[in-house]
N, C-alpha and C. Protein backbone atom coordinates (compact mmCIF):
# COMPACT_ATOMS: atom_id res chain seq x y z
N MET A 1 0.83 -1.19 0.00
CA MET A 1 0.00 0.00 0.00
C MET A 1 0.87 1.26 0.00
N ILE A 2 1.60 1.53 1.08
CA ILE A 2 2.44 2.73 1.15
C ILE A 2 3.71 2.49 0.36
N LYS A 3 4.05 3.43 -0.51
CA LYS A 3 5.21 3.31 -1.38
C LYS A 3 6.39 4.17 -0.95
N GLY A 4 6.15 5.17 -0.11
CA GLY A 4 7.23 6.08 0.30
C GLY A 4 6.64 7.36 0.85
N LEU A 5 7.49 8.30 1.15
CA LEU A 5 7.05 9.59 1.67
C LEU A 5 6.87 10.56 0.51
N TYR A 6 5.70 11.15 0.40
CA TYR A 6 5.44 12.08 -0.69
C TYR A 6 5.78 13.51 -0.32
N GLU A 7 5.42 13.93 0.90
CA GLU A 7 5.72 15.29 1.29
C GLU A 7 5.87 15.40 2.80
N ALA A 8 6.58 16.44 3.20
CA ALA A 8 6.73 16.81 4.60
C ALA A 8 6.66 18.33 4.64
N HIS A 9 6.34 18.90 5.80
CA HIS A 9 6.15 20.34 5.92
C HIS A 9 6.89 20.89 7.13
N LEU A 10 7.41 22.12 6.98
CA LEU A 10 8.10 22.81 8.06
C LEU A 10 7.62 24.25 8.15
N PRO A 11 7.58 24.81 9.37
CA PRO A 11 7.27 26.24 9.52
C PRO A 11 8.54 27.07 9.32
N VAL A 12 8.41 28.23 8.67
CA VAL A 12 9.55 29.12 8.43
C VAL A 12 9.13 30.56 8.66
N ARG A 13 10.11 31.40 9.03
CA ARG A 13 9.84 32.82 9.28
C ARG A 13 9.71 33.62 7.98
N SER A 14 10.55 33.29 7.02
CA SER A 14 10.58 34.03 5.75
C SER A 14 10.59 33.02 4.61
N LEU A 15 9.48 32.98 3.88
CA LEU A 15 9.37 32.04 2.77
C LEU A 15 10.48 32.26 1.75
N GLU A 16 10.72 33.49 1.39
CA GLU A 16 11.75 33.81 0.39
C GLU A 16 13.13 33.35 0.85
N HIS A 17 13.49 33.65 2.08
CA HIS A 17 14.80 33.27 2.62
C HIS A 17 14.93 31.74 2.69
N SER A 18 13.87 31.07 3.12
CA SER A 18 13.92 29.61 3.25
C SER A 18 13.95 28.91 1.90
N VAL A 19 13.22 29.42 0.93
CA VAL A 19 13.28 28.84 -0.42
C VAL A 19 14.71 28.94 -0.94
N THR A 20 15.35 30.07 -0.75
CA THR A 20 16.75 30.24 -1.17
C THR A 20 17.65 29.24 -0.45
N PHE A 21 17.46 29.05 0.85
CA PHE A 21 18.26 28.10 1.64
C PHE A 21 18.11 26.69 1.07
N TYR A 22 16.89 26.23 0.88
CA TYR A 22 16.68 24.86 0.42
C TYR A 22 17.09 24.66 -1.04
N LYS A 23 16.94 25.68 -1.87
CA LYS A 23 17.47 25.59 -3.23
C LYS A 23 18.98 25.44 -3.19
N GLY A 24 19.63 26.11 -2.22
CA GLY A 24 21.07 25.99 -2.05
C GLY A 24 21.51 24.59 -1.66
N LEU A 25 20.59 23.82 -1.05
CA LEU A 25 20.88 22.43 -0.71
C LEU A 25 20.63 21.49 -1.89
N GLY A 26 20.09 22.04 -2.98
CA GLY A 26 19.87 21.24 -4.17
C GLY A 26 18.42 20.88 -4.45
N LEU A 27 17.48 21.34 -3.61
CA LEU A 27 16.07 21.09 -3.89
C LEU A 27 15.62 22.01 -5.02
N THR A 28 14.61 21.59 -5.76
CA THR A 28 14.11 22.33 -6.90
C THR A 28 12.76 22.97 -6.57
N TYR A 29 12.68 24.28 -6.75
CA TYR A 29 11.43 25.00 -6.50
C TYR A 29 10.35 24.50 -7.44
N SER A 30 9.15 24.24 -6.91
CA SER A 30 8.02 23.81 -7.73
C SER A 30 7.01 24.94 -7.88
N HIS A 31 6.42 25.38 -6.77
CA HIS A 31 5.41 26.42 -6.85
C HIS A 31 5.08 26.94 -5.46
N SER A 32 4.34 28.07 -5.44
CA SER A 32 3.87 28.66 -4.18
C SER A 32 2.34 28.73 -4.21
N VAL A 33 1.78 28.80 -3.01
CA VAL A 33 0.33 28.94 -2.86
C VAL A 33 0.07 30.16 -1.99
N GLU A 34 -0.57 31.18 -2.57
CA GLU A 34 -0.97 32.39 -1.85
C GLU A 34 0.16 33.03 -1.06
N ASP A 35 1.38 32.97 -1.51
CA ASP A 35 2.53 33.60 -0.86
C ASP A 35 2.72 33.19 0.60
N ARG A 36 2.16 32.04 0.99
CA ARG A 36 2.35 31.58 2.37
C ARG A 36 2.83 30.15 2.44
N LEU A 37 2.88 29.48 1.28
CA LEU A 37 3.32 28.09 1.22
C LEU A 37 4.10 27.88 -0.06
N ALA A 38 5.29 27.31 0.07
CA ALA A 38 6.10 27.00 -1.12
C ALA A 38 6.44 25.51 -1.11
N PHE A 39 6.45 24.92 -2.29
CA PHE A 39 6.82 23.52 -2.44
C PHE A 39 8.12 23.42 -3.22
N LEU A 40 9.02 22.60 -2.72
CA LEU A 40 10.28 22.32 -3.39
C LEU A 40 10.40 20.81 -3.55
N TRP A 41 10.83 20.38 -4.72
CA TRP A 41 11.02 18.95 -4.96
C TRP A 41 12.28 18.48 -4.25
N ILE A 42 12.15 17.42 -3.48
CA ILE A 42 13.31 16.71 -2.93
C ILE A 42 13.80 15.77 -4.02
N GLU A 43 12.87 15.00 -4.57
CA GLU A 43 13.12 14.13 -5.71
C GLU A 43 11.98 14.39 -6.68
N GLU A 44 12.27 15.07 -7.78
CA GLU A 44 11.22 15.56 -8.67
C GLU A 44 10.26 14.45 -9.09
N GLY A 45 8.98 14.75 -8.95
CA GLY A 45 7.93 13.81 -9.30
C GLY A 45 7.68 12.74 -8.25
N LYS A 46 8.48 12.76 -7.17
CA LYS A 46 8.34 11.71 -6.16
C LYS A 46 8.08 12.26 -4.76
N SER A 47 8.86 13.22 -4.31
CA SER A 47 8.68 13.73 -2.95
C SER A 47 9.05 15.21 -2.89
N TRP A 48 8.32 15.94 -2.07
CA TRP A 48 8.62 17.36 -1.94
C TRP A 48 8.48 17.84 -0.51
N LEU A 49 8.99 19.04 -0.30
CA LEU A 49 8.98 19.69 0.99
C LEU A 49 8.10 20.93 0.90
N GLY A 50 7.16 21.06 1.83
CA GLY A 50 6.32 22.25 1.91
C GLY A 50 6.83 23.17 3.01
N LEU A 51 7.04 24.43 2.68
CA LEU A 51 7.49 25.44 3.65
C LEU A 51 6.35 26.41 3.89
N TRP A 52 5.96 26.56 5.15
CA TRP A 52 4.85 27.42 5.53
C TRP A 52 5.36 28.68 6.19
N ASP A 53 5.06 29.83 5.57
CA ASP A 53 5.37 31.12 6.19
C ASP A 53 4.48 31.24 7.43
N SER A 54 5.11 31.33 8.60
CA SER A 54 4.33 31.22 9.83
C SER A 54 4.90 32.08 10.94
N GLU A 55 4.03 32.54 11.81
CA GLU A 55 4.46 33.23 13.02
C GLU A 55 4.72 32.22 14.14
N ASN A 56 4.43 30.96 13.90
CA ASN A 56 4.58 29.91 14.91
C ASN A 56 5.85 29.11 14.74
N VAL A 57 6.91 29.75 14.29
CA VAL A 57 8.18 29.06 14.10
C VAL A 57 8.84 28.75 15.45
N GLU A 58 8.50 29.49 16.45
CA GLU A 58 9.13 29.33 17.76
C GLU A 58 8.61 28.13 18.54
N LEU A 59 7.95 27.21 17.87
CA LEU A 59 7.51 25.99 18.55
C LEU A 59 8.72 25.31 19.17
N PRO A 60 8.58 24.77 20.35
CA PRO A 60 9.71 24.03 20.92
C PRO A 60 10.11 22.90 19.98
N TYR A 61 11.42 22.70 19.82
CA TYR A 61 11.89 21.66 18.92
C TYR A 61 11.56 20.29 19.47
N HIS A 62 11.06 19.45 18.63
CA HIS A 62 10.93 18.03 18.90
C HIS A 62 11.02 17.34 17.53
N PRO A 63 11.82 16.27 17.41
CA PRO A 63 12.00 15.66 16.09
C PRO A 63 10.72 15.17 15.44
N SER A 64 9.67 14.98 16.23
CA SER A 64 8.42 14.51 15.63
C SER A 64 7.68 15.62 14.89
N THR A 65 8.05 16.87 15.11
CA THR A 65 7.32 17.96 14.47
C THR A 65 8.19 18.86 13.60
N ARG A 66 9.50 18.86 13.80
CA ARG A 66 10.35 19.81 13.07
C ARG A 66 11.64 19.13 12.62
N HIS A 67 11.52 18.00 11.94
CA HIS A 67 12.70 17.24 11.53
C HIS A 67 12.46 16.62 10.16
N ILE A 68 13.45 16.75 9.28
CA ILE A 68 13.42 16.11 7.96
C ILE A 68 14.77 15.41 7.77
N ALA A 69 14.74 14.17 7.30
CA ALA A 69 15.96 13.44 6.96
C ALA A 69 15.99 13.24 5.45
N PHE A 70 17.06 13.72 4.82
CA PHE A 70 17.22 13.59 3.38
C PHE A 70 18.15 12.42 3.08
N GLU A 71 17.73 11.53 2.21
CA GLU A 71 18.56 10.39 1.83
C GLU A 71 19.66 10.86 0.88
N VAL A 72 20.87 10.40 1.15
CA VAL A 72 22.02 10.70 0.30
C VAL A 72 22.80 9.40 0.07
N THR A 73 23.76 9.43 -0.83
CA THR A 73 24.61 8.27 -1.03
C THR A 73 25.72 8.29 0.02
N LEU A 74 26.32 7.14 0.25
CA LEU A 74 27.43 7.07 1.20
C LEU A 74 28.61 7.94 0.76
N PRO A 75 29.01 7.90 -0.52
CA PRO A 75 30.11 8.80 -0.93
C PRO A 75 29.78 10.28 -0.67
N ASP A 76 28.54 10.69 -0.92
CA ASP A 76 28.16 12.08 -0.66
C ASP A 76 28.14 12.36 0.84
N LEU A 77 27.67 11.42 1.65
CA LEU A 77 27.64 11.62 3.09
C LEU A 77 29.05 11.80 3.64
N LYS A 78 30.01 11.08 3.10
CA LYS A 78 31.39 11.21 3.56
C LYS A 78 31.93 12.62 3.31
N LYS A 79 31.38 13.33 2.34
CA LYS A 79 31.79 14.70 2.02
C LYS A 79 30.86 15.74 2.63
N ALA A 80 29.87 15.32 3.41
CA ALA A 80 28.80 16.21 3.86
C ALA A 80 29.28 17.33 4.77
N VAL A 81 30.19 17.05 5.70
CA VAL A 81 30.65 18.10 6.61
C VAL A 81 31.31 19.22 5.81
N GLU A 82 32.20 18.85 4.91
CA GLU A 82 32.89 19.84 4.08
C GLU A 82 31.88 20.58 3.19
N TRP A 83 30.93 19.86 2.62
CA TRP A 83 29.91 20.45 1.75
C TRP A 83 29.07 21.46 2.52
N LEU A 84 28.59 21.06 3.71
CA LEU A 84 27.77 21.96 4.52
C LEU A 84 28.55 23.21 4.91
N LEU A 85 29.78 23.03 5.38
CA LEU A 85 30.59 24.18 5.77
C LEU A 85 30.84 25.10 4.58
N GLY A 86 31.03 24.52 3.40
CA GLY A 86 31.22 25.31 2.19
C GLY A 86 30.00 26.15 1.83
N LEU A 87 28.82 25.66 2.22
CA LEU A 87 27.58 26.41 2.00
C LEU A 87 27.29 27.39 3.13
N GLY A 88 28.13 27.38 4.16
CA GLY A 88 27.93 28.27 5.30
C GLY A 88 27.00 27.71 6.37
N HIS A 89 26.80 26.38 6.37
CA HIS A 89 25.91 25.74 7.34
C HIS A 89 26.74 24.88 8.29
N GLU A 90 26.50 25.04 9.56
CA GLU A 90 27.26 24.31 10.58
C GLU A 90 26.58 22.98 10.90
N PRO A 91 27.27 21.85 10.69
CA PRO A 91 26.75 20.59 11.21
C PRO A 91 26.66 20.71 12.74
N ARG A 92 25.80 19.91 13.36
CA ARG A 92 25.65 20.04 14.81
C ARG A 92 25.81 18.70 15.52
N GLU A 93 26.09 18.80 16.79
CA GLU A 93 26.25 17.64 17.66
C GLU A 93 24.90 16.96 17.85
N VAL A 94 24.92 15.63 17.83
CA VAL A 94 23.72 14.84 18.09
C VAL A 94 24.15 13.58 18.84
N PHE A 95 23.42 13.21 19.85
CA PHE A 95 23.69 12.00 20.63
C PHE A 95 25.12 11.96 21.15
N GLY A 96 25.71 13.13 21.41
CA GLY A 96 27.07 13.19 21.93
C GLY A 96 28.15 13.10 20.87
N PHE A 97 27.79 13.01 19.60
CA PHE A 97 28.77 12.94 18.51
C PHE A 97 29.04 14.34 17.99
N GLU A 98 30.28 14.77 18.08
CA GLU A 98 30.67 16.06 17.53
C GLU A 98 30.56 15.99 16.01
N PRO A 99 30.20 17.07 15.35
CA PRO A 99 29.96 17.03 13.91
C PRO A 99 31.23 17.10 13.06
N VAL A 100 32.23 16.33 13.42
CA VAL A 100 33.47 16.31 12.66
C VAL A 100 33.39 15.34 11.49
N GLU A 101 32.47 14.39 11.57
CA GLU A 101 32.21 13.43 10.50
C GLU A 101 30.86 12.78 10.80
N PRO A 102 30.28 12.08 9.82
CA PRO A 102 29.04 11.37 10.09
C PRO A 102 29.25 10.28 11.14
N PHE A 103 28.15 9.87 11.74
CA PHE A 103 28.21 8.76 12.69
C PHE A 103 27.15 7.73 12.30
N VAL A 104 27.29 6.54 12.85
CA VAL A 104 26.42 5.41 12.51
C VAL A 104 25.59 5.04 13.73
N ILE A 105 24.32 4.77 13.49
CA ILE A 105 23.44 4.17 14.49
C ILE A 105 23.04 2.80 13.93
N ALA A 106 23.32 1.75 14.69
CA ALA A 106 23.05 0.39 14.22
C ALA A 106 22.24 -0.37 15.25
N GLY A 107 21.38 -1.22 14.74
CA GLY A 107 20.59 -2.08 15.61
C GLY A 107 19.88 -3.15 14.80
N GLU A 108 19.94 -4.36 15.30
CA GLU A 108 19.22 -5.48 14.69
C GLU A 108 19.43 -5.60 13.18
N ALA A 109 20.65 -5.66 12.76
CA ALA A 109 21.02 -5.92 11.36
C ALA A 109 20.81 -4.74 10.41
N SER A 110 20.32 -3.60 10.89
CA SER A 110 20.25 -2.42 10.02
C SER A 110 21.13 -1.34 10.62
N ALA A 111 21.66 -0.52 9.75
CA ALA A 111 22.52 0.56 10.21
C ALA A 111 22.37 1.74 9.27
N HIS A 112 22.50 2.93 9.85
CA HIS A 112 22.38 4.18 9.08
C HIS A 112 23.49 5.12 9.50
N ALA A 113 24.12 5.76 8.52
CA ALA A 113 25.11 6.80 8.76
C ALA A 113 24.42 8.13 8.54
N LYS A 114 24.81 9.15 9.34
CA LYS A 114 24.07 10.41 9.29
C LYS A 114 24.89 11.57 9.81
N ILE A 115 24.47 12.75 9.44
CA ILE A 115 24.99 14.00 9.99
C ILE A 115 23.80 14.96 10.09
N HIS A 116 23.78 15.80 11.11
CA HIS A 116 22.66 16.70 11.35
C HIS A 116 23.09 18.16 11.24
N PHE A 117 22.14 19.02 10.87
CA PHE A 117 22.32 20.46 10.84
C PHE A 117 20.95 21.11 10.92
N ASN A 118 20.91 22.42 11.07
CA ASN A 118 19.63 23.13 11.18
C ASN A 118 19.42 24.06 10.00
N ASP A 119 18.15 24.31 9.70
CA ASP A 119 17.85 25.35 8.71
C ASP A 119 17.83 26.70 9.44
N PRO A 120 17.62 27.80 8.74
CA PRO A 120 17.68 29.12 9.39
C PRO A 120 16.65 29.31 10.51
N ASP A 121 15.60 28.48 10.54
CA ASP A 121 14.57 28.61 11.56
C ASP A 121 14.70 27.59 12.68
N GLY A 122 15.82 26.86 12.70
CA GLY A 122 16.04 25.88 13.76
C GLY A 122 15.39 24.54 13.51
N ASN A 123 14.81 24.33 12.33
CA ASN A 123 14.28 23.02 11.99
C ASN A 123 15.45 22.06 11.83
N SER A 124 15.31 20.86 12.34
CA SER A 124 16.38 19.87 12.31
C SER A 124 16.41 19.15 10.97
N LEU A 125 17.57 19.19 10.33
CA LEU A 125 17.75 18.51 9.05
C LEU A 125 18.84 17.46 9.21
N GLU A 126 18.70 16.41 8.43
CA GLU A 126 19.62 15.28 8.54
C GLU A 126 19.92 14.77 7.14
N LEU A 127 21.17 14.43 6.91
CA LEU A 127 21.57 13.71 5.71
C LEU A 127 21.86 12.29 6.17
N ILE A 128 21.26 11.29 5.51
CA ILE A 128 21.32 9.92 6.02
C ILE A 128 21.39 8.91 4.87
N CYS A 129 22.04 7.79 5.13
CA CYS A 129 22.03 6.68 4.18
C CYS A 129 22.16 5.37 4.96
N ARG A 130 21.67 4.32 4.34
CA ARG A 130 21.87 2.99 4.92
C ARG A 130 23.31 2.57 4.69
N VAL A 131 23.85 1.83 5.65
CA VAL A 131 25.18 1.23 5.49
C VAL A 131 25.07 -0.25 5.79
N PRO A 132 25.90 -1.06 5.14
CA PRO A 132 25.86 -2.50 5.41
C PRO A 132 26.20 -2.79 6.87
N ASN A 133 25.60 -3.84 7.40
CA ASN A 133 25.85 -4.25 8.78
C ASN A 133 26.10 -5.76 8.81
N PRO A 134 27.16 -6.20 8.14
CA PRO A 134 27.40 -7.64 8.02
C PRO A 134 27.65 -8.34 9.36
N LEU A 135 28.16 -7.62 10.34
CA LEU A 135 28.42 -8.21 11.65
C LEU A 135 27.23 -8.08 12.59
N GLN A 136 26.14 -7.50 12.11
CA GLN A 136 24.95 -7.25 12.89
C GLN A 136 25.28 -6.54 14.21
N LEU A 137 26.11 -5.53 14.08
CA LEU A 137 26.49 -4.72 15.24
C LEU A 137 25.33 -3.88 15.71
N GLU A 138 25.37 -3.49 16.98
CA GLU A 138 24.40 -2.56 17.53
C GLU A 138 25.14 -1.45 18.24
N GLY A 139 24.56 -0.28 18.27
CA GLY A 139 25.17 0.83 18.96
C GLY A 139 25.46 1.99 18.03
N MET A 140 26.31 2.91 18.50
CA MET A 140 26.63 4.11 17.72
C MET A 140 28.15 4.32 17.72
N MET A 141 28.66 4.80 16.59
CA MET A 141 30.08 5.14 16.47
C MET A 141 30.27 6.01 15.24
N TYR A 142 31.41 6.69 15.18
CA TYR A 142 31.71 7.48 14.00
C TYR A 142 31.83 6.57 12.78
N LEU A 143 31.52 7.12 11.61
CA LEU A 143 31.56 6.35 10.37
C LEU A 143 32.94 5.77 10.11
N SER A 144 34.00 6.52 10.38
CA SER A 144 35.35 5.99 10.14
C SER A 144 35.62 4.76 11.03
N GLU A 145 35.13 4.79 12.26
CA GLU A 145 35.28 3.62 13.14
C GLU A 145 34.46 2.45 12.61
N TRP A 146 33.25 2.73 12.14
CA TRP A 146 32.38 1.70 11.58
C TRP A 146 33.06 0.99 10.42
N GLU A 147 33.62 1.79 9.53
CA GLU A 147 34.29 1.21 8.37
C GLU A 147 35.50 0.38 8.77
N GLN A 148 36.22 0.83 9.78
CA GLN A 148 37.38 0.09 10.26
C GLN A 148 36.95 -1.25 10.87
N VAL A 149 35.92 -1.25 11.70
CA VAL A 149 35.43 -2.48 12.32
C VAL A 149 34.96 -3.47 11.25
N ASN A 150 34.32 -2.96 10.21
CA ASN A 150 33.75 -3.83 9.16
C ASN A 150 34.71 -4.09 8.00
N SER A 151 35.93 -3.58 8.06
CA SER A 151 36.85 -3.70 6.93
C SER A 151 37.30 -5.13 6.65
N GLY A 152 37.29 -5.99 7.64
CA GLY A 152 37.74 -7.36 7.45
C GLY A 152 36.66 -8.30 6.99
N VAL A 153 35.45 -7.79 6.78
CA VAL A 153 34.33 -8.66 6.42
C VAL A 153 34.25 -8.82 4.93
């Protein structure tokens, strides 16, 4: 029945500023509705992000309401810190991991590598990809450590 995620929405203070920010991340502008809502394609024809011009941006952060994770390739994720810094965006600490490189969260035979950062309104953004877990490891570690542990497999 469900095939994937079609859209997600975030509140923003300035639609124009936020559209520019997300276009800078590589999303493609689609259209606006009444100058209060803009849609940008994450993957054209498949999934998009809706940005709502709102006075309610100051909602307390909780990942269930103000978080988007963008899928990337592992080679791109390995370059993500440098890429984000080059765009003027600071990666941020999550789960005690300093944003010097992506980190891995693994559990029950699945694992994901990720790095986090915020948009101009404090919405939590994440770049993430699946990584192989041949040893069925569980826990969290930096990506370089993960690759070293799994290098002999």
